[in-house]
Amino acid sequence: MSVDLTGFAAEYARHRAAEGRGHAGDELMALPYLRTGPLVRQWGVRVRSFEALMRDVVQPLTARQGRPLVVLDLGAGNGWLSWRLVREGHSAIALDIREDDVDGLGAAHALAARSAGRMRLCPGSFDAIPLASASVDLAVFNAALHYALDLSTVLAEAARVVRPGGRLAIVDSPFYAREADGLAMVAEKKAGAAQRFGDGASVLLAPPFIEFLTQERLALASALAWRRNRVLYPLWYEARPLVARLQGRRPPSRFDVWVSVRP
């Protein structure tokens, strides 16, 4: 599916700036371990998924390969995950359609400059990845797969660039146990869009992103076999389903790490 995302990318950058998501200097290099500011709690949740990715995917695959990995960071944003991987001795390719200086690839230049050539910035879309087939060991959808326009195409592209025996991983994308709960979330988002996004609501909601995932959606989109690695989040976060049930609301999404082996 071909969709012009230029307007979306520009408006999204403006919205992210308004939310205070522009990190720089020591703060950027420290991510996801943010210590101060209004986003500390949110990044504290991402710390758990990052540590699960490293423990359950990156470290075992590194041991299996017997060498540092080449990792494709899909939806890399400001490059914080790529930078973390470089610090662990790996090479990373940070891919994103956004090149702005808020938290797009423009913000990642400072990290790439410190990487001794092991962090490459790659503007592009993950439905047409500008890399050779079988060129990376691991492809990570970094809070990004729910922005896919066509799930089958995106997963096929990621699988194409991963070497046989390598891994694909999904991190920080919302999963629901039931399709109906995900559709309810989308309806709520659209209903509250004007209040949340202001004048940019129509632009941000225009692209037909898939918005959320379920295990069934993954199964229908490709022949890849996926395994869920459950992430243990802070108690307040793990209590969300109980709170939602007591308040008569739909169940919230989960953000676990999903992993597939490239055949």
C-alpha atoms as a PDB file:
ATOM      1  CA  MET A   1       0.000   0.000   0.000  1.00  0.00           C
ATOM      2  CA  SER A   2       1.453   3.339  -1.080  1.00  0.00           C
ATOM      3  CA  VAL A   3       0.495   6.301   1.114  1.00  0.00           C
ATOM      4  CA  ASP A   4       2.192   9.702   1.247  1.00  0.00           C
ATOM      5  CA  LEU A   5       3.205  10.121   4.886  1.00  0.00           C
ATOM      6  CA  THR A   6       4.980  13.472   4.497  1.00  0.00           C
ATOM      7  CA  GLY A   7       2.208  15.477   6.130  1.00  0.00           C
ATOM      8  CA  PHE A   8       1.781  12.915   8.879  1.00  0.00           C
ATOM      9  CA  ALA A   9       5.506  12.921   9.687  1.00  0.00           C
ATOM     10  CA  ALA A  10       5.623  16.719   9.964  1.00  0.00           C
ATOM     11  CA  GLU A  11       2.517  16.946  12.139  1.00  0.00           C
ATOM     12  CA  TYR A  12       3.663  14.036  14.286  1.00  0.00           C
ATOM     13  CA  ALA A  13       6.961  15.829  14.949  1.00  0.00           C
ATOM     14  CA  ARG A  14       5.065  18.941  16.040  1.00  0.00           C
ATOM     15  CA  HIS A  15       2.895  16.874  18.356  1.00  0.00           C
ATOM     16  CA  ARG A  16       5.880  15.068  19.843  1.00  0.00           C
ATOM     17  CA  ALA A  17       7.627  18.375  20.476  1.00  0.00           C
ATOM     18  CA  ALA A  18       4.540  19.660  22.286  1.00  0.00           C
ATOM     19  CA  GLU A  19       4.629  16.544  24.478  1.00  0.00           C
ATOM     20  CA  GLY A  20       8.219  17.297  25.464  1.00  0.00           C
ATOM     21  CA  ARG A  21       9.728  14.285  23.719  1.00  0.00           C
ATOM     22  CA  GLY A  22      12.804  16.029  22.388  1.00  0.00           C
ATOM     23  CA  HIS A  23      15.822  14.633  24.254  1.00  0.00           C
ATOM     24  CA  ALA A  24      19.411  15.719  23.647  1.00  0.00           C
ATOM     25  CA  GLY A  25      22.904  15.490  25.090  1.00  0.00           C
ATOM     26  CA  ASP A  26      23.428  13.311  28.142  1.00  0.00           C
ATOM     27  CA  GLU A  27      19.676  12.769  28.477  1.00  0.00           C
ATOM     28  CA  LEU A  28      19.443  11.257  24.993  1.00  0.00           C
ATOM     29  CA  MET A  29      22.462   9.034  25.567  1.00  0.00           C
ATOM     30  CA  ALA A  30      20.952   7.778  28.834  1.00  0.00           C
ATOM     31  CA  LEU A  31      17.659   6.598  27.322  1.00  0.00           C
ATOM     32  CA  PRO A  32      15.680   4.582  28.228  1.00  0.00           C
ATOM     33  CA  TYR A  33      16.945   5.389  31.728  1.00  0.00           C
ATOM     34  CA  LEU A  34      15.346   8.823  32.019  1.00  0.00           C
ATOM     35  CA  ARG A  35      15.732  10.279  35.511  1.00  0.00           C
ATOM     36  CA  THR A  36      13.802  13.555  35.449  1.00  0.00           C
ATOM     37  CA  GLY A  37      10.879  15.212  33.692  1.00  0.00           C
ATOM     38  CA  PRO A  38       7.222  14.415  32.992  1.00  0.00           C
ATOM     39  CA  LEU A  39       8.010  11.309  30.919  1.00  0.00           C
ATOM     40  CA  VAL A  40       9.980   9.444  33.605  1.00  0.00           C
ATOM     41  CA  ARG A  41       7.142   7.035  34.358  1.00  0.00           C
ATOM     42  CA  GLN A  42       6.547   6.227  30.701  1.00  0.00           C
ATOM     43  CA  TRP A  43      10.236   5.606  30.049  1.00  0.00           C
ATOM     44  CA  GLY A  44      10.327   3.487  33.199  1.00  0.00           C
ATOM     45  CA  VAL A  45       7.901   1.134  31.467  1.00  0.00           C
ATOM     46  CA  ARG A  46      10.070   1.065  28.350  1.00  0.00           C
ATOM     47  CA  VAL A  47      13.085   0.158  30.483  1.00  0.00           C
ATOM     48  CA  ARG A  48      11.379  -3.145  31.271  1.00  0.00           C
ATOM     49  CA  SER A  49      10.714  -4.016  27.622  1.00  0.00           C
ATOM     50  CA  PHE A  50      14.238  -2.959  26.623  1.00  0.00           C
ATOM     51  CA  GLU A  51      15.798  -5.148  29.298  1.00  0.00           C
ATOM     52  CA  ALA A  52      13.571  -8.057  28.229  1.00  0.00           C
ATOM     53  CA  LEU A  53      14.678  -7.599  24.613  1.00  0.00           C
ATOM     54  CA  MET A  54      18.329  -7.662  25.622  1.00  0.00           C
ATOM     55  CA  ARG A  55      17.958 -10.601  28.005  1.00  0.00           C
ATOM     56  CA  ASP A  56      15.632 -12.805  25.951  1.00  0.00           C
ATOM     57  CA  VAL A  57      16.635 -11.984  22.381  1.00  0.00           C
ATOM     58  CA  VAL A  58      19.891 -10.076  21.903  1.00  0.00           C
ATOM     59  CA  GLN A  59      22.082 -11.904  24.407  1.00  0.00           C
ATOM     60  CA  PRO A  60      21.011 -15.471  23.434  1.00  0.00           C
ATOM     61  CA  LEU A  61      21.349 -14.698  19.725  1.00  0.00           C
ATOM     62  CA  THR A  62      24.790 -13.179  20.290  1.00  0.00           C
ATOM     63  CA  ALA A  63      25.891 -16.308  22.137  1.00  0.00           C
ATOM     64  CA  ARG A  64      24.506 -18.486  19.366  1.00  0.00           C
ATOM     65  CA  GLN A  65      26.228 -16.508  16.614  1.00  0.00           C
ATOM     66  CA  GLY A  66      29.477 -16.198  18.544  1.00  0.00           C
ATOM     67  CA  ARG A  67      29.985 -12.617  17.388  1.00  0.00           C
ATOM     68  CA  PRO A  68      28.431  -9.156  17.669  1.00  0.00           C
ATOM     69  CA  LEU A  69      25.160  -8.720  15.808  1.00  0.00           C
ATOM     70  CA  VAL A  70      24.032  -6.502  12.981  1.00  0.00           C
ATOM     71  CA  VAL A  71      20.662  -5.169  14.134  1.00  0.00           C
ATOM     72  CA  LEU A  72      18.013  -3.319  12.132  1.00  0.00           C
ATOM     73  CA  ASP A  73      16.148  -0.871  14.377  1.00  0.00           C
ATOM     74  CA  LEU A  74      12.792  -0.344  12.641  1.00  0.00           C
ATOM     75  CA  GLY A  75      11.077   2.870  13.696  1.00  0.00           C
ATOM     76  CA  ALA A  76      14.287   3.993  15.364  1.00  0.00           C
ATOM     77  CA  GLY A  77      13.222   7.574  16.058  1.00  0.00           C
ATOM     78  CA  ASN A  78      16.019   9.390  17.887  1.00  0.00           C
ATOM     79  CA  GLY A  79      18.171   6.261  17.774  1.00  0.00           C
ATOM     80  CA  TRP A  80      18.249   5.462  21.486  1.00  0.00           C
ATOM     81  CA  LEU A  81      17.896   1.681  20.970  1.00  0.00           C
ATOM     82  CA  SER A  82      20.541   1.625  18.234  1.00  0.00           C
ATOM     83  CA  TRP A  83      22.862   3.550  20.542  1.00  0.00           C
ATOM     84  CA  ARG A  84      22.301   1.053  23.360  1.00  0.00           C
ATOM     85  CA  LEU A  85      23.098  -1.818  21.013  1.00  0.00           C
ATOM     86  CA  VAL A  86      26.276  -0.094  19.823  1.00  0.00           C
ATOM     87  CA  ARG A  87      27.340   0.366  23.439  1.00  0.00           C
ATOM     88  CA  GLU A  88      26.995  -3.406  23.856  1.00  0.00           C
ATOM     89  CA  GLY A  89      29.381  -3.992  20.946  1.00  0.00           C
ATOM     90  CA  HIS A  90      26.867  -4.543  18.135  1.00  0.00           C
ATOM     91  CA  SER A  91      26.301  -2.655  14.887  1.00  0.00           C
ATOM     92  CA  ALA A  92      22.940  -1.001  14.299  1.00  0.00           C
ATOM     93  CA  ILE A  93      21.010   0.406  11.363  1.00  0.00           C
ATOM     94  CA  ALA A  94      18.472   2.997  12.518  1.00  0.00           C
ATOM     95  CA  LEU A  95      15.579   3.217  10.041  1.00  0.00           C
ATOM     96  CA  ASP A  96      12.701   5.690  10.216  1.00  0.00           C
ATOM     97  CA  ILE A  97      10.572   7.757   7.844  1.00  0.00           C
ATOM     98  CA  ARG A  98      10.995  10.756  10.148  1.00  0.00           C
ATOM     99  CA  GLU A  99      14.146  12.852   9.894  1.00  0.00           C
ATOM    100  CA  ASP A 100      13.126  15.705  12.217  1.00  0.00           C
ATOM    101  CA  ASP A 101      15.264  16.904  15.101  1.00  0.00           C
ATOM    102  CA  VAL A 102      12.591  16.312  17.763  1.00  0.00           C
ATOM    103  CA  ASP A 103      12.824  12.549  18.057  1.00  0.00           C
ATOM    104  CA  GLY A 104      13.325  11.527  14.447  1.00  0.00           C
ATOM    105  CA  LEU A 105      16.602  10.578  12.803  1.00  0.00           C
ATOM    106  CA  GLY A 106      17.726  14.197  12.918  1.00  0.00           C
ATOM    107  CA  ALA A 107      18.097  13.788  16.664  1.00  0.00           C
ATOM    108  CA  ALA A 108      20.088  10.579  16.158  1.00  0.00           C
ATOM    109  CA  HIS A 109      23.006  12.235  14.354  1.00  0.00           C
ATOM    110  CA  ALA A 110      24.689  13.074  17.646  1.00  0.00           C
ATOM    111  CA  LEU A 111      24.632   9.410  18.653  1.00  0.00           C
ATOM    112  CA  ALA A 112      25.805   8.140  15.267  1.00  0.00           C
ATOM    113  CA  ALA A 113      28.729  10.563  15.402  1.00  0.00           C
ATOM    114  CA  ARG A 114      29.927   8.866  18.595  1.00  0.00           C
ATOM    115  CA  SER A 115      29.474   5.315  17.322  1.00  0.00           C
ATOM    116  CA  ALA A 116      32.796   4.855  15.486  1.00  0.00           C
ATOM    117  CA  GLY A 117      30.838   3.974  12.356  1.00  0.00           C
ATOM    118  CA  ARG A 118      28.787   1.219  13.969  1.00  0.00           C
ATOM    119  CA  MET A 119      25.490   3.146  13.954  1.00  0.00           C
ATOM    120  CA  ARG A 120      24.128   3.910  10.505  1.00  0.00           C
ATOM    121  CA  LEU A 121      21.139   6.195   9.920  1.00  0.00           C
ATOM    122  CA  CYS A 122      18.799   4.982   7.207  1.00  0.00           C
ATOM    123  CA  PRO A 123      15.829   7.157   6.194  1.00  0.00           C
ATOM    124  CA  GLY A 124      13.131   4.920   4.787  1.00  0.00           C
ATOM    125  CA  SER A 125       9.928   2.994   5.245  1.00  0.00           C
ATOM    126  CA  PHE A 126       9.681  -0.490   6.653  1.00  0.00           C
ATOM    127  CA  ASP A 127       7.364  -1.589   3.857  1.00  0.00           C
ATOM    128  CA  ALA A 128      10.275  -1.116   1.417  1.00  0.00           C
ATOM    129  CA  ILE A 129      13.454  -1.547   3.447  1.00  0.00           C
ATOM    130  CA  PRO A 130      16.483  -0.221   1.505  1.00  0.00           C
ATOM    131  CA  LEU A 131      18.766  -3.091   2.497  1.00  0.00           C
ATOM    132  CA  ALA A 132      19.988  -6.236   0.787  1.00  0.00           C
ATOM    133  CA  SER A 133      18.313  -9.544   1.529  1.00  0.00           C
ATOM    134  CA  ALA A 134      19.785 -11.593   4.394  1.00  0.00           C
ATOM    135  CA  SER A 135      21.938  -8.679   5.560  1.00  0.00           C
ATOM    136  CA  VAL A 136      21.088  -8.412   9.285  1.00  0.00           C
ATOM    137  CA  ASP A 137      20.959 -10.802  12.229  1.00  0.00           C
ATOM    138  CA  LEU A 138      18.027  -9.213  14.029  1.00  0.00           C
ATOM    139  CA  ALA A 139      15.211  -6.870  13.000  1.00  0.00           C
ATOM    140  CA  VAL A 140      13.461  -5.085  15.860  1.00  0.00           C
ATOM    141  CA  PHE A 141      10.165  -3.269  15.427  1.00  0.00           C
ATOM    142  CA  ASN A 142      10.816  -0.575  18.016  1.00  0.00           C
ATOM    143  CA  ALA A 143       7.420   0.818  19.133  1.00  0.00           C
ATOM    144  CA  ALA A 144       6.644   0.817  15.434  1.00  0.00           C
ATOM    145  CA  LEU A 145       4.750  -2.179  14.047  1.00  0.00           C
ATOM    146  CA  HIS A 146       1.336  -0.707  14.892  1.00  0.00           C
ATOM    147  CA  TYR A 147       2.201   2.012  12.346  1.00  0.00           C
ATOM    148  CA  ALA A 148       2.246  -0.552   9.541  1.00  0.00           C
ATOM    149  CA  LEU A 149      -0.101   0.101   6.643  1.00  0.00           C
ATOM    150  CA  ASP A 150      -0.053  -3.512   5.457  1.00  0.00           C
ATOM    151  CA  LEU A 151       1.069  -6.023   8.070  1.00  0.00           C
ATOM    152  CA  SER A 152       1.813  -8.806   5.589  1.00  0.00           C
ATOM    153  CA  THR A 153       4.052  -6.575   3.478  1.00  0.00           C
ATOM    154  CA  VAL A 154       5.936  -5.186   6.454  1.00  0.00           C
ATOM    155  CA  LEU A 155       6.596  -8.584   8.025  1.00  0.00           C
ATOM    156  CA  ALA A 156       7.686 -10.019   4.674  1.00  0.00           C
ATOM    157  CA  GLU A 157      10.148  -7.147   4.197  1.00  0.00           C
ATOM    158  CA  ALA A 158      11.608  -7.605   7.666  1.00  0.00           C
ATOM    159  CA  ALA A 159      11.965 -11.347   7.109  1.00  0.00           C
ATOM    160  CA  ARG A 160      13.638 -10.693   3.755  1.00  0.00           C
ATOM    161  CA  VAL A 161      16.509  -8.698   5.253  1.00  0.00           C
ATOM    162  CA  VAL A 162      17.103 -11.087   8.190  1.00  0.00           C
ATOM    163  CA  ARG A 163      19.566 -13.929   7.677  1.00  0.00           C
ATOM    164  CA  PRO A 164      18.243 -17.489   8.042  1.00  0.00           C
ATOM    165  CA  GLY A 165      18.420 -18.401  11.712  1.00  0.00           C
ATOM    166  CA  GLY A 166      18.206 -14.746  12.708  1.00  0.00           C
ATOM    167  CA  ARG A 167      15.395 -13.161  14.680  1.00  0.00           C
ATOM    168  CA  LEU A 168      12.548 -10.729  14.254  1.00  0.00           C
ATOM    169  CA  ALA A 169      11.291  -9.008  17.393  1.00  0.00           C
ATOM    170  CA  ILE A 170       8.320  -6.781  18.192  1.00  0.00           C
ATOM    171  CA  VAL A 171       8.776  -4.398  21.111  1.00  0.00           C
ATOM    172  CA  ASP A 172       6.458  -1.741  22.558  1.00  0.00           C
ATOM    173  CA  SER A 173       3.497  -2.270  20.242  1.00  0.00           C
ATOM    174  CA  PRO A 174       0.007  -2.707  21.742  1.00  0.00           C
ATOM    175  CA  PHE A 175      -1.340  -6.256  21.714  1.00  0.00           C
ATOM    176  CA  TYR A 176      -4.889  -7.200  22.648  1.00  0.00           C
ATOM    177  CA  ALA A 177      -6.231 -10.625  23.507  1.00  0.00           C
ATOM    178  CA  ARG A 178      -9.373  -9.850  21.499  1.00  0.00           C
ATOM    179  CA  GLU A 179      -9.817  -7.980  18.230  1.00  0.00           C
ATOM    180  CA  ALA A 180     -12.889  -6.250  19.651  1.00  0.00           C
ATOM    181  CA  ASP A 181     -10.869  -4.618  22.425  1.00  0.00           C
ATOM    182  CA  GLY A 182      -8.364  -3.231  19.943  1.00  0.00           C
ATOM    183  CA  LEU A 183     -11.143  -1.864  17.756  1.00  0.00           C
ATOM    184  CA  ALA A 184     -12.683  -0.233  20.825  1.00  0.00           C
ATOM    185  CA  MET A 185      -9.345   1.460  21.551  1.00  0.00           C
ATOM    186  CA  VAL A 186      -9.216   2.824  17.999  1.00  0.00           C
ATOM    187  CA  ALA A 187     -12.763   4.157  18.316  1.00  0.00           C
ATOM    188  CA  GLU A 188     -11.866   5.872  21.599  1.00  0.00           C
ATOM    189  CA  LYS A 189      -8.770   7.397  20.018  1.00  0.00           C
ATOM    190  CA  LYS A 190     -10.763   8.834  17.137  1.00  0.00           C
ATOM    191  CA  ALA A 191     -13.479  10.151  19.437  1.00  0.00           C
ATOM    192  CA  GLY A 192     -10.934  12.024  21.562  1.00  0.00           C
ATOM    193  CA  ALA A 193      -8.634  13.066  18.718  1.00  0.00           C
ATOM    194  CA  ALA A 194      -9.645  16.718  18.546  1.00  0.00           C
ATOM    195  CA  GLN A 195      -9.004  17.230  22.247  1.00  0.00           C
ATOM    196  CA  ARG A 196      -5.732  15.319  22.231  1.00  0.00           C
ATOM    197  CA  PHE A 197      -4.238  16.432  18.916  1.00  0.00           C
ATOM    198  CA  GLY A 198      -5.909  19.799  18.304  1.00  0.00           C
ATOM    199  CA  ASP A 199      -5.860  21.143  14.758  1.00  0.00           C
ATOM    200  CA  GLY A 200      -3.533  18.357  13.642  1.00  0.00           C
ATOM    201  CA  ALA A 201      -6.014  15.581  14.424  1.00  0.00           C
ATOM    202  CA  SER A 202      -7.205  15.044  10.859  1.00  0.00           C
ATOM    203  CA  VAL A 203      -3.638  14.775   9.541  1.00  0.00           C
ATOM    204  CA  LEU A 204      -2.524  12.372  12.280  1.00  0.00           C
ATOM    205  CA  LEU A 205      -5.550  10.128  11.797  1.00  0.00           C
ATOM    206  CA  ALA A 206      -5.486  10.133   7.993  1.00  0.00           C
ATOM    207  CA  PRO A 207      -3.047   7.230   7.330  1.00  0.00           C
ATOM    208  CA  PRO A 208      -4.759   3.823   7.651  1.00  0.00           C
ATOM    209  CA  PHE A 209      -2.314   2.365  10.171  1.00  0.00           C
ATOM    210  CA  ILE A 210      -3.210  -1.002  11.684  1.00  0.00           C
ATOM    211  CA  GLU A 211      -3.058   0.664  15.162  1.00  0.00           C
ATOM    212  CA  PHE A 212      -2.805  -2.546  17.217  1.00  0.00           C
ATOM    213  CA  LEU A 213      -1.918  -6.236  17.054  1.00  0.00           C
ATOM    214  CA  THR A 214      -3.339  -9.560  18.145  1.00  0.00           C
ATOM    215  CA  GLN A 215      -1.837 -13.018  17.964  1.00  0.00           C
ATOM    216  CA  GLU A 216      -4.386 -13.853  15.270  1.00  0.00           C
ATOM    217  CA  ARG A 217      -3.367 -10.858  13.176  1.00  0.00           C
ATOM    218  CA  LEU A 218       0.244 -12.023  13.239  1.00  0.00           C
ATOM    219  CA  ALA A 219      -0.757 -15.541  12.244  1.00  0.00           C
ATOM    220  CA  LEU A 220      -2.864 -14.327   9.325  1.00  0.00           C
ATOM    221  CA  ALA A 221      -0.234 -11.872   8.091  1.00  0.00           C
ATOM    222  CA  SER A 222       2.642 -14.321   7.632  1.00  0.00           C
ATOM    223  CA  ALA A 223       3.782 -17.898   8.060  1.00  0.00           C
ATOM    224  CA  LEU A 224       6.274 -16.887  10.757  1.00  0.00           C
ATOM    225  CA  ALA A 225       5.860 -18.576  14.124  1.00  0.00           C
ATOM    226  CA  TRP A 226       5.822 -16.076  16.991  1.00  0.00           C
ATOM    227  CA  ARG A 227       6.589 -16.609  20.667  1.00  0.00           C
ATOM    228  CA  ARG A 228       5.479 -14.162  23.339  1.00  0.00           C
ATOM    229  CA  ASN A 229       8.037 -13.247  25.998  1.00  0.00           C
ATOM    230  CA  ARG A 230       6.032 -11.769  28.836  1.00  0.00           C
ATOM    231  CA  VAL A 231       7.503  -8.563  30.234  1.00  0.00           C
ATOM    232  CA  LEU A 232       7.166  -7.975  33.974  1.00  0.00           C
ATOM    233  CA  TYR A 233       6.228  -4.332  34.353  1.00  0.00           C
ATOM    234  CA  PRO A 234       5.981  -2.162  37.499  1.00  0.00           C
ATOM    235  CA  LEU A 235       3.126  -3.104  39.821  1.00  0.00           C
ATOM    236  CA  TRP A 236       1.042  -0.044  38.952  1.00  0.00           C
ATOM    237  CA  TYR A 237       1.251  -1.010  35.284  1.00  0.00           C
ATOM    238  CA  GLU A 238       0.509  -4.693  35.821  1.00  0.00           C
ATOM    239  CA  ALA A 239      -2.576  -3.669  37.837  1.00  0.00           C
ATOM    240  CA  ARG A 240      -4.180  -1.888  34.876  1.00  0.00           C
ATOM    241  CA  PRO A 241      -6.378  -4.833  33.790  1.00  0.00           C
ATOM    242  CA  LEU A 242      -7.795  -5.166  37.296  1.00  0.00           C
ATOM    243  CA  VAL A 243      -8.450  -1.435  37.542  1.00  0.00           C
ATOM    244  CA  ALA A 244     -10.129  -1.440  34.125  1.00  0.00           C
ATOM    245  CA  ARG A 245     -12.351  -4.364  35.097  1.00  0.00           C
ATOM    246  CA  LEU A 246     -13.389  -2.711  38.363  1.00  0.00           C
ATOM    247  CA  GLN A 247     -14.227   0.471  36.478  1.00  0.00           C
ATOM    248  CA  GLY A 248     -16.169  -1.355  33.775  1.00  0.00           C
ATOM    249  CA  ARG A 249     -13.783  -0.404  30.985  1.00  0.00           C
ATOM    250  CA  ARG A 250     -12.289  -2.497  28.185  1.00  0.00           C
ATOM    251  CA  PRO A 251      -9.084  -4.426  28.961  1.00  0.00           C
ATOM    252  CA  PRO A 252      -5.903  -2.445  28.211  1.00  0.00           C
ATOM    253  CA  SER A 253      -3.282  -3.614  25.754  1.00  0.00           C
ATOM    254  CA  ARG A 254      -0.124  -5.478  26.705  1.00  0.00           C
ATOM    255  CA  PHE A 255       3.354  -4.580  25.514  1.00  0.00           C
ATOM    256  CA  ASP A 256       5.280  -7.835  25.590  1.00  0.00           C
ATOM    257  CA  VAL A 257       8.258  -8.847  23.447  1.00  0.00           C
ATOM    258  CA  TRP A 258       7.265 -11.088  20.548  1.00  0.00           C
ATOM    259  CA  VAL A 259       9.992 -13.074  18.789  1.00  0.00           C
ATOM    260  CA  SER A 260      10.195 -15.141  15.615  1.00  0.00           C
ATOM    261  CA  VAL A 261      13.035 -17.207  14.144  1.00  0.00           C
ATOM    262  CA  ARG A 262      13.745 -16.525  10.482  1.00  0.00           C
ATOM    263  CA  PRO A 263      13.536 -19.926   8.734  1.00  0.00           C
END
